Amino acid sequence: MKHTYNIHEAKTHLSKLVEEAAVGEEIIIAKSGKPKAKLVPYADEPRREPGRYKANIQLSATFFDPLPVEELRAWEGTSK
């Protein structure tokens, strides 16, 4: 369920609003009746694991070969 509070009310009852958000309530903080912020429960982000998808990436054997001269010239914008 969504609840909207003005900034003054939110400052006065911040602890209560944090507890409500922690259990899944959607808390909207408004200024002059216009929504400005949303209070949501904190969730730990999963740790990044370098190389986690290494087995899923396949490069061709020629991926790092130099470009042919014609293609290199095209990228450089030269004709000679």
PDB file of N, CA and C in Angstrom:
ATOM      1  N   MET A   1       0.836  -1.179   0.000  1.00  0.00           N
ATOM      2  CA  MET A   1       0.000   0.000   0.000  1.00  0.00           C
ATOM      3  C   MET A   1       0.887   1.250   0.000  1.00  0.00           C
ATOM      4  N   LYS A   2       0.473   2.269  -0.719  1.00  0.00           N
ATOM      5  CA  LYS A   2       1.249   3.486  -0.843  1.00  0.00           C
ATOM      6  C   LYS A   2       0.748   4.539   0.148  1.00  0.00           C
ATOM      7  N   HIS A   3       1.697   5.170   0.859  1.00  0.00           N
ATOM      8  CA  HIS A   3       1.364   6.259   1.770  1.00  0.00           C
ATOM      9  C   HIS A   3       2.163   7.487   1.360  1.00  0.00           C
ATOM     10  N   THR A   4       1.525   8.656   1.396  1.00  0.00           N
ATOM     11  CA  THR A   4       2.214   9.903   1.056  1.00  0.00           C
ATOM     12  C   THR A   4       2.227  10.809   2.282  1.00  0.00           C
ATOM     13  N   TYR A   5       3.419  11.369   2.554  1.00  0.00           N
ATOM     14  CA  TYR A   5       3.611  12.275   3.684  1.00  0.00           C
ATOM     15  C   TYR A   5       4.294  13.531   3.177  1.00  0.00           C
ATOM     16  N   ASN A   6       3.921  14.693   3.760  1.00  0.00           N
ATOM     17  CA  ASN A   6       4.645  15.903   3.390  1.00  0.00           C
ATOM     18  C   ASN A   6       5.988  15.923   4.129  1.00  0.00           C
ATOM     19  N   ILE A   7       6.882  16.770   3.718  1.00  0.00           N
ATOM     20  CA  ILE A   7       8.242  16.774   4.261  1.00  0.00           C
ATOM     21  C   ILE A   7       8.246  17.005   5.773  1.00  0.00           C
ATOM     22  N   HIS A   8       7.459  17.956   6.253  1.00  0.00           N
ATOM     23  CA  HIS A   8       7.444  18.233   7.696  1.00  0.00           C
ATOM     24  C   HIS A   8       6.980  17.009   8.481  1.00  0.00           C
ATOM     25  N   GLU A   9       5.934  16.382   8.008  1.00  0.00           N
ATOM     26  CA  GLU A   9       5.405  15.177   8.654  1.00  0.00           C
ATOM     27  C   GLU A   9       6.437  14.044   8.608  1.00  0.00           C
ATOM     28  N   ALA A  10       7.130  13.917   7.483  1.00  0.00           N
ATOM     29  CA  ALA A  10       8.153  12.876   7.342  1.00  0.00           C
ATOM     30  C   ALA A  10       9.311  13.113   8.309  1.00  0.00           C
ATOM     31  N   LYS A  11       9.727  14.374   8.474  1.00  0.00           N
ATOM     32  CA  LYS A  11      10.807  14.677   9.419  1.00  0.00           C
ATOM     33  C   LYS A  11      10.386  14.329  10.840  1.00  0.00           C
ATOM     34  N   THR A  12       9.158  14.644  11.162  1.00  0.00           N
ATOM     35  CA  THR A  12       8.654  14.395  12.515  1.00  0.00           C
ATOM     36  C   THR A  12       8.556  12.905  12.818  1.00  0.00           C
ATOM     37  N   HIS A  13       8.189  12.104  11.836  1.00  0.00           N
ATOM     38  CA  HIS A  13       7.938  10.672  12.044  1.00  0.00           C
ATOM     39  C   HIS A  13       8.913   9.780  11.273  1.00  0.00           C
ATOM     40  N   LEU A  14      10.142  10.243  11.065  1.00  0.00           N
ATOM     41  CA  LEU A  14      11.083   9.506  10.227  1.00  0.00           C
ATOM     42  C   LEU A  14      11.298   8.074  10.709  1.00  0.00           C
ATOM     43  N   SER A  15      11.508   7.874  12.000  1.00  0.00           N
ATOM     44  CA  SER A  15      11.746   6.520  12.512  1.00  0.00           C
ATOM     45  C   SER A  15      10.593   5.584  12.174  1.00  0.00           C
ATOM     46  N   LYS A  16       9.377   6.050  12.360  1.00  0.00           N
ATOM     47  CA  LYS A  16       8.187   5.249  12.060  1.00  0.00           C
ATOM     48  C   LYS A  16       8.121   4.939  10.563  1.00  0.00           C
ATOM     49  N   LEU A  17       8.415   5.932   9.730  1.00  0.00           N
ATOM     50  CA  LEU A  17       8.354   5.729   8.281  1.00  0.00           C
ATOM     51  C   LEU A  17       9.421   4.752   7.810  1.00  0.00           C
ATOM     52  N   VAL A  18      10.601   4.817   8.401  1.00  0.00           N
ATOM     53  CA  VAL A  18      11.668   3.872   8.052  1.00  0.00           C
ATOM     54  C   VAL A  18      11.227   2.447   8.386  1.00  0.00           C
ATOM     55  N   GLU A  19      10.609   2.260   9.530  1.00  0.00           N
ATOM     56  CA  GLU A  19      10.131   0.923   9.910  1.00  0.00           C
ATOM     57  C   GLU A  19       9.049   0.435   8.951  1.00  0.00           C
ATOM     58  N   GLU A  20       8.158   1.323   8.546  1.00  0.00           N
ATOM     59  CA  GLU A  20       7.108   0.933   7.600  1.00  0.00           C
ATOM     60  C   GLU A  20       7.723   0.520   6.261  1.00  0.00           C
ATOM     61  N   ALA A  21       8.705   1.294   5.796  1.00  0.00           N
ATOM     62  CA  ALA A  21       9.368   0.969   4.526  1.00  0.00           C
ATOM     63  C   ALA A  21      10.106  -0.359   4.631  1.00  0.00           C
ATOM     64  N   ALA A  22      10.713  -0.627   5.778  1.00  0.00           N
ATOM     65  CA  ALA A  22      11.481  -1.850   5.972  1.00  0.00           C
ATOM     66  C   ALA A  22      10.623  -3.107   5.840  1.00  0.00           C
ATOM     67  N   VAL A  23       9.334  -2.992   6.136  1.00  0.00           N
ATOM     68  CA  VAL A  23       8.450  -4.158   6.011  1.00  0.00           C
ATOM     69  C   VAL A  23       7.705  -4.179   4.681  1.00  0.00           C
ATOM     70  N   GLY A  24       8.080  -3.261   3.764  1.00  0.00           N
ATOM     71  CA  GLY A  24       7.533  -3.312   2.426  1.00  0.00           C
ATOM     72  C   GLY A  24       6.526  -2.249   2.048  1.00  0.00           C
ATOM     73  N   GLU A  25       6.186  -1.354   2.968  1.00  0.00           N
ATOM     74  CA  GLU A  25       5.254  -0.274   2.621  1.00  0.00           C
ATOM     75  C   GLU A  25       5.947   0.712   1.686  1.00  0.00           C
ATOM     76  N   GLU A  26       5.213   1.259   0.745  1.00  0.00           N
ATOM     77  CA  GLU A  26       5.761   2.271  -0.152  1.00  0.00           C
ATOM     78  C   GLU A  26       5.480   3.638   0.451  1.00  0.00           C
ATOM     79  N   ILE A  27       6.530   4.364   0.784  1.00  0.00           N
ATOM     80  CA  ILE A  27       6.411   5.669   1.424  1.00  0.00           C
ATOM     81  C   ILE A  27       6.842   6.741   0.432  1.00  0.00           C
ATOM     82  N   ILE A  28       5.927   7.659   0.109  1.00  0.00           N
ATOM     83  CA  ILE A  28       6.217   8.773  -0.783  1.00  0.00           C
ATOM     84  C   ILE A  28       6.320  10.034   0.057  1.00  0.00           C
ATOM     85  N   ILE A  29       7.382  10.807  -0.159  1.00  0.00           N
ATOM     86  CA  ILE A  29       7.557  12.076   0.540  1.00  0.00           C
ATOM     87  C   ILE A  29       7.316  13.185  -0.475  1.00  0.00           C
ATOM     88  N   ALA A  30       6.402  14.094  -0.116  1.00  0.00           N
ATOM     89  CA  ALA A  30       5.982  15.136  -1.047  1.00  0.00           C
ATOM     90  C   ALA A  30       6.272  16.528  -0.497  1.00  0.00           C
ATOM     91  N   LYS A  31       6.401  17.475  -1.412  1.00  0.00           N
ATOM     92  CA  LYS A  31       6.550  18.882  -1.048  1.00  0.00           C
ATOM     93  C   LYS A  31       5.481  19.628  -1.832  1.00  0.00           C
ATOM     94  N   SER A  32       4.657  20.360  -1.133  1.00  0.00           N
ATOM     95  CA  SER A  32       3.529  21.078  -1.733  1.00  0.00           C
ATOM     96  C   SER A  32       2.636  20.136  -2.533  1.00  0.00           C
ATOM     97  N   GLY A  33       2.478  18.910  -2.023  1.00  0.00           N
ATOM     98  CA  GLY A  33       1.597  17.943  -2.659  1.00  0.00           C
ATOM     99  C   GLY A  33       2.195  17.217  -3.848  1.00  0.00           C
ATOM    100  N   LYS A  34       3.440  17.556  -4.218  1.00  0.00           N
ATOM    101  CA  LYS A  34       4.082  16.907  -5.359  1.00  0.00           C
ATOM    102  C   LYS A  34       5.126  15.915  -4.870  1.00  0.00           C
ATOM    103  N   PRO A  35       5.051  14.656  -5.321  1.00  0.00           N
ATOM    104  CA  PRO A  35       6.025  13.648  -4.883  1.00  0.00           C
ATOM    105  C   PRO A  35       7.460  14.074  -5.216  1.00  0.00           C
ATOM    106  N   LYS A  36       8.353  13.930  -4.224  1.00  0.00           N
ATOM    107  CA  LYS A  36       9.766  14.292  -4.406  1.00  0.00           C
ATOM    108  C   LYS A  36      10.702  13.121  -4.155  1.00  0.00           C
ATOM    109  N   ALA A  37      10.287  12.160  -3.321  1.00  0.00           N
ATOM    110  CA  ALA A  37      11.176  11.042  -2.988  1.00  0.00           C
ATOM    111  C   ALA A  37      10.342   9.834  -2.589  1.00  0.00           C
ATOM    112  N   LYS A  38      10.985   8.660  -2.689  1.00  0.00           N
ATOM    113  CA  LYS A  38      10.343   7.423  -2.281  1.00  0.00           C
ATOM    114  C   LYS A  38      11.252   6.735  -1.272  1.00  0.00           C
ATOM    115  N   LEU A  39      10.697   6.308  -0.172  1.00  0.00           N
ATOM    116  CA  LEU A  39      11.432   5.571   0.860  1.00  0.00           C
ATOM    117  C   LEU A  39      11.166   4.094   0.627  1.00  0.00           C
ATOM    118  N   VAL A  40      12.238   3.336   0.388  1.00  0.00           N
ATOM    119  CA  VAL A  40      12.110   1.913   0.084  1.00  0.00           C
ATOM    120  C   VAL A  40      13.004   1.112   1.012  1.00  0.00           C
ATOM    121  N   PRO A  41      12.741  -0.187   1.178  1.00  0.00           N
ATOM    122  CA  PRO A  41      13.602  -1.001   2.048  1.00  0.00           C
ATOM    123  C   PRO A  41      14.999  -1.138   1.455  1.00  0.00           C
ATOM    124  N   TYR A  42      15.984  -1.211   2.313  1.00  0.00           N
ATOM    125  CA  TYR A  42      17.371  -1.393   1.896  1.00  0.00           C
ATOM    126  C   TYR A  42      17.586  -2.849   1.518  1.00  0.00           C
ATOM    127  N   ALA A  43      18.266  -3.058   0.416  1.00  0.00           N
ATOM    128  CA  ALA A  43      18.600  -4.424  -0.010  1.00  0.00           C
ATOM    129  C   ALA A  43      20.072  -4.450  -0.390  1.00  0.00           C
ATOM    130  N   ASP A  44      20.810  -5.394   0.166  1.00  0.00           N
ATOM    131  CA  ASP A  44      22.214  -5.535  -0.194  1.00  0.00           C
ATOM    132  C   ASP A  44      22.324  -5.916  -1.655  1.00  0.00           C
ATOM    133  N   GLU A  45      23.240  -5.258  -2.351  1.00  0.00           N
ATOM    134  CA  GLU A  45      23.523  -5.614  -3.733  1.00  0.00           C
ATOM    135  C   GLU A  45      24.434  -6.832  -3.735  1.00  0.00           C
ATOM    136  N   PRO A  46      24.221  -7.747  -4.659  1.00  0.00           N
ATOM    137  CA  PRO A  46      25.126  -8.900  -4.709  1.00  0.00           C
ATOM    138  C   PRO A  46      26.538  -8.432  -5.060  1.00  0.00           C
ATOM    139  N   ARG A  47      27.518  -9.072  -4.454  1.00  0.00           N
ATOM    140  CA  ARG A  47      28.911  -8.722  -4.739  1.00  0.00           C
ATOM    141  C   ARG A  47      29.253  -9.093  -6.171  1.00  0.00           C
ATOM    142  N   ARG A  48      30.018  -8.205  -6.801  1.00  0.00           N
ATOM    143  CA  ARG A  48      30.478  -8.501  -8.157  1.00  0.00           C
ATOM    144  C   ARG A  48      31.601  -9.524  -8.075  1.00  0.00           C
ATOM    145  N   GLU A  49      31.576 -10.434  -8.997  1.00  0.00           N
ATOM    146  CA  GLU A  49      32.550 -11.512  -9.025  1.00  0.00           C
ATOM    147  C   GLU A  49      33.300 -11.458 -10.356  1.00  0.00           C
ATOM    148  N   PRO A  50      34.531 -10.941 -10.373  1.00  0.00           N
ATOM    149  CA  PRO A  50      35.264 -10.864 -11.642  1.00  0.00           C
ATOM    150  C   PRO A  50      35.392 -12.244 -12.289  1.00  0.00           C
ATOM    151  N   GLY A  51      35.161 -12.285 -13.586  1.00  0.00           N
ATOM    152  CA  GLY A  51      35.304 -13.531 -14.331  1.00  0.00           C
ATOM    153  C   GLY A  51      34.126 -14.472 -14.223  1.00  0.00           C
ATOM    154  N   ARG A  52      33.043 -14.029 -13.624  1.00  0.00           N
ATOM    155  CA  ARG A  52      31.899 -14.903 -13.398  1.00  0.00           C
ATOM    156  C   ARG A  52      31.302 -15.441 -14.699  1.00  0.00           C
ATOM    157  N   TYR A  53      31.340 -14.646 -15.754  1.00  0.00           N
ATOM    158  CA  TYR A  53      30.749 -15.065 -17.025  1.00  0.00           C
ATOM    159  C   TYR A  53      31.799 -15.459 -18.058  1.00  0.00           C
ATOM    160  N   LYS A  54      33.018 -15.681 -17.622  1.00  0.00           N
ATOM    161  CA  LYS A  54      34.116 -15.984 -18.530  1.00  0.00           C
ATOM    162  C   LYS A  54      33.793 -17.178 -19.443  1.00  0.00           C
ATOM    163  N   ALA A  55      33.172 -18.186 -18.931  1.00  0.00           N
ATOM    164  CA  ALA A  55      32.865 -19.386 -19.723  1.00  0.00           C
ATOM    165  C   ALA A  55      31.796 -19.103 -20.783  1.00  0.00           C
ATOM    166  N   ASN A  56      31.031 -18.008 -20.625  1.00  0.00           N
ATOM    167  CA  ASN A  56      29.945 -17.699 -21.561  1.00  0.00           C
ATOM    168  C   ASN A  56      30.395 -16.851 -22.745  1.00  0.00           C
ATOM    169  N   ILE A  57      31.625 -16.341 -22.728  1.00  0.00           N
ATOM    170  CA  ILE A  57      32.106 -15.453 -23.782  1.00  0.00           C
ATOM    171  C   ILE A  57      33.041 -16.230 -24.698  1.00  0.00           C
ATOM    172  N   GLN A  58      32.761 -16.161 -25.983  1.00  0.00           N
ATOM    173  CA  GLN A  58      33.605 -16.847 -26.950  1.00  0.00           C
ATOM    174  C   GLN A  58      34.049 -15.844 -28.011  1.00  0.00           C
ATOM    175  N   LEU A  59      35.347 -15.749 -28.214  1.00  0.00           N
ATOM    176  CA  LEU A  59      35.895 -14.877 -29.244  1.00  0.00           C
ATOM    177  C   LEU A  59      36.472 -15.751 -30.344  1.00  0.00           C
ATOM    178  N   SER A  60      36.351 -15.265 -31.562  1.00  0.00           N
ATOM    179  CA  SER A  60      36.934 -16.032 -32.658  1.00  0.00           C
ATOM    180  C   SER A  60      38.451 -15.917 -32.582  1.00  0.00           C
ATOM    181  N   ALA A  61      39.151 -16.828 -33.223  1.00  0.00           N
ATOM    182  CA  ALA A  61      40.617 -16.843 -33.199  1.00  0.00           C
ATOM    183  C   ALA A  61      41.190 -15.599 -33.860  1.00  0.00           C
ATOM    184  N   THR A  62      40.427 -14.950 -34.736  1.00  0.00           N
ATOM    185  CA  THR A  62      40.934 -13.776 -35.456  1.00  0.00           C
ATOM    186  C   THR A  62      40.448 -12.462 -34.857  1.00  0.00           C
ATOM    187  N   PHE A  63      39.839 -12.501 -33.696  1.00  0.00           N
ATOM    188  CA  PHE A  63      39.253 -11.296 -33.106  1.00  0.00           C
ATOM    189  C   PHE A  63      40.273 -10.178 -32.933  1.00  0.00           C
ATOM    190  N   PHE A  64      41.495 -10.504 -32.530  1.00  0.00           N
ATOM    191  CA  PHE A  64      42.500  -9.479 -32.266  1.00  0.00           C
ATOM    192  C   PHE A  64      43.492  -9.297 -33.413  1.00  0.00           C
ATOM    193  N   ASP A  65      43.207  -9.888 -34.562  1.00  0.00           N
ATOM    194  CA  ASP A  65      44.085  -9.698 -35.716  1.00  0.00           C
ATOM    195  C   ASP A  65      43.993  -8.245 -36.196  1.00  0.00           C
ATOM    196  N   PRO A  66      45.076  -7.724 -36.793  1.00  0.00           N
ATOM    197  CA  PRO A  66      45.022  -6.354 -37.312  1.00  0.00           C
ATOM    198  C   PRO A  66      43.981  -6.230 -38.426  1.00  0.00           C
ATOM    199  N   LEU A  67      43.452  -5.015 -38.580  1.00  0.00           N
ATOM    200  CA  LEU A  67      42.477  -4.775 -39.642  1.00  0.00           C
ATOM    201  C   LEU A  67      43.169  -4.793 -41.000  1.00  0.00           C
ATOM    202  N   PRO A  68      42.474  -5.225 -42.028  1.00  0.00           N
ATOM    203  CA  PRO A  68      43.024  -5.111 -43.374  1.00  0.00           C
ATOM    204  C   PRO A  68      43.245  -3.630 -43.700  1.00  0.00           C
ATOM    205  N   VAL A  69      44.223  -3.330 -44.524  1.00  0.00           N
ATOM    206  CA  VAL A  69      44.597  -1.948 -44.833  1.00  0.00           C
ATOM    207  C   VAL A  69      43.406  -1.147 -45.340  1.00  0.00           C
ATOM    208  N   GLU A  70      42.590  -1.724 -46.227  1.00  0.00           N
ATOM    209  CA  GLU A  70      41.440  -1.001 -46.782  1.00  0.00           C
ATOM    210  C   GLU A  70      40.461  -0.583 -45.675  1.00  0.00           C
ATOM    211  N   GLU A  71      40.193  -1.492 -44.745  1.00  0.00           N
ATOM    212  CA  GLU A  71      39.250  -1.185 -43.657  1.00  0.00           C
ATOM    213  C   GLU A  71      39.848  -0.152 -42.709  1.00  0.00           C
ATOM    214  N   LEU A  72      41.132  -0.255 -42.413  1.00  0.00           N
ATOM    215  CA  LEU A  72      41.798   0.709 -41.556  1.00  0.00           C
ATOM    216  C   LEU A  72      41.729   2.104 -42.165  1.00  0.00           C
ATOM    217  N   ARG A  73      41.967   2.194 -43.470  1.00  0.00           N
ATOM    218  CA  ARG A  73      41.882   3.497 -44.154  1.00  0.00           C
ATOM    219  C   ARG A  73      40.457   4.048 -44.090  1.00  0.00           C
ATOM    220  N   ALA A  74      39.474   3.173 -44.222  1.00  0.00           N
ATOM    221  CA  ALA A  74      38.084   3.620 -44.141  1.00  0.00           C
ATOM    222  C   ALA A  74      37.774   4.196 -42.766  1.00  0.00           C
ATOM    223  N   TRP A  75      38.269   3.570 -41.721  1.00  0.00           N
ATOM    224  CA  TRP A  75      38.063   4.068 -40.358  1.00  0.00           C
ATOM    225  C   TRP A  75      38.791   5.385 -40.133  1.00  0.00           C
ATOM    226  N   GLU A  76      39.969   5.515 -40.720  1.00  0.00           N
ATOM    227  CA  GLU A  76      40.760   6.734 -40.562  1.00  0.00           C
ATOM    228  C   GLU A  76      40.274   7.854 -41.475  1.00  0.00           C
ATOM    229  N   GLY A  77      39.453   7.524 -42.458  1.00  0.00           N
ATOM    230  CA  GLY A  77      38.945   8.530 -43.375  1.00  0.00           C
ATOM    231  C   GLY A  77      39.940   8.928 -44.447  1.00  0.00           C
ATOM    232  N   THR A  78      40.925   8.097 -44.697  1.00  0.00           N
ATOM    233  CA  THR A  78      41.893   8.375 -45.743  1.00  0.00           C
ATOM    234  C   THR A  78      41.659   7.443 -46.917  1.00  0.00           C
ATOM    235  N   SER A  79      42.073   7.870 -48.090  1.00  0.00           N
ATOM    236  CA  SER A  79      41.870   7.017 -49.273  1.00  0.00           C
ATOM    237  C   SER A  79      43.153   6.363 -49.748  1.00  0.00           C
ATOM    238  N   LYS A  80      44.272   6.804 -49.228  1.00  0.00           N
ATOM    239  CA  LYS A  80      45.550   6.222 -49.695  1.00  0.00           C
ATOM    240  C   LYS A  80      46.192   5.393 -48.638  1.00  0.00           C
TER     241      LYS A  80
END
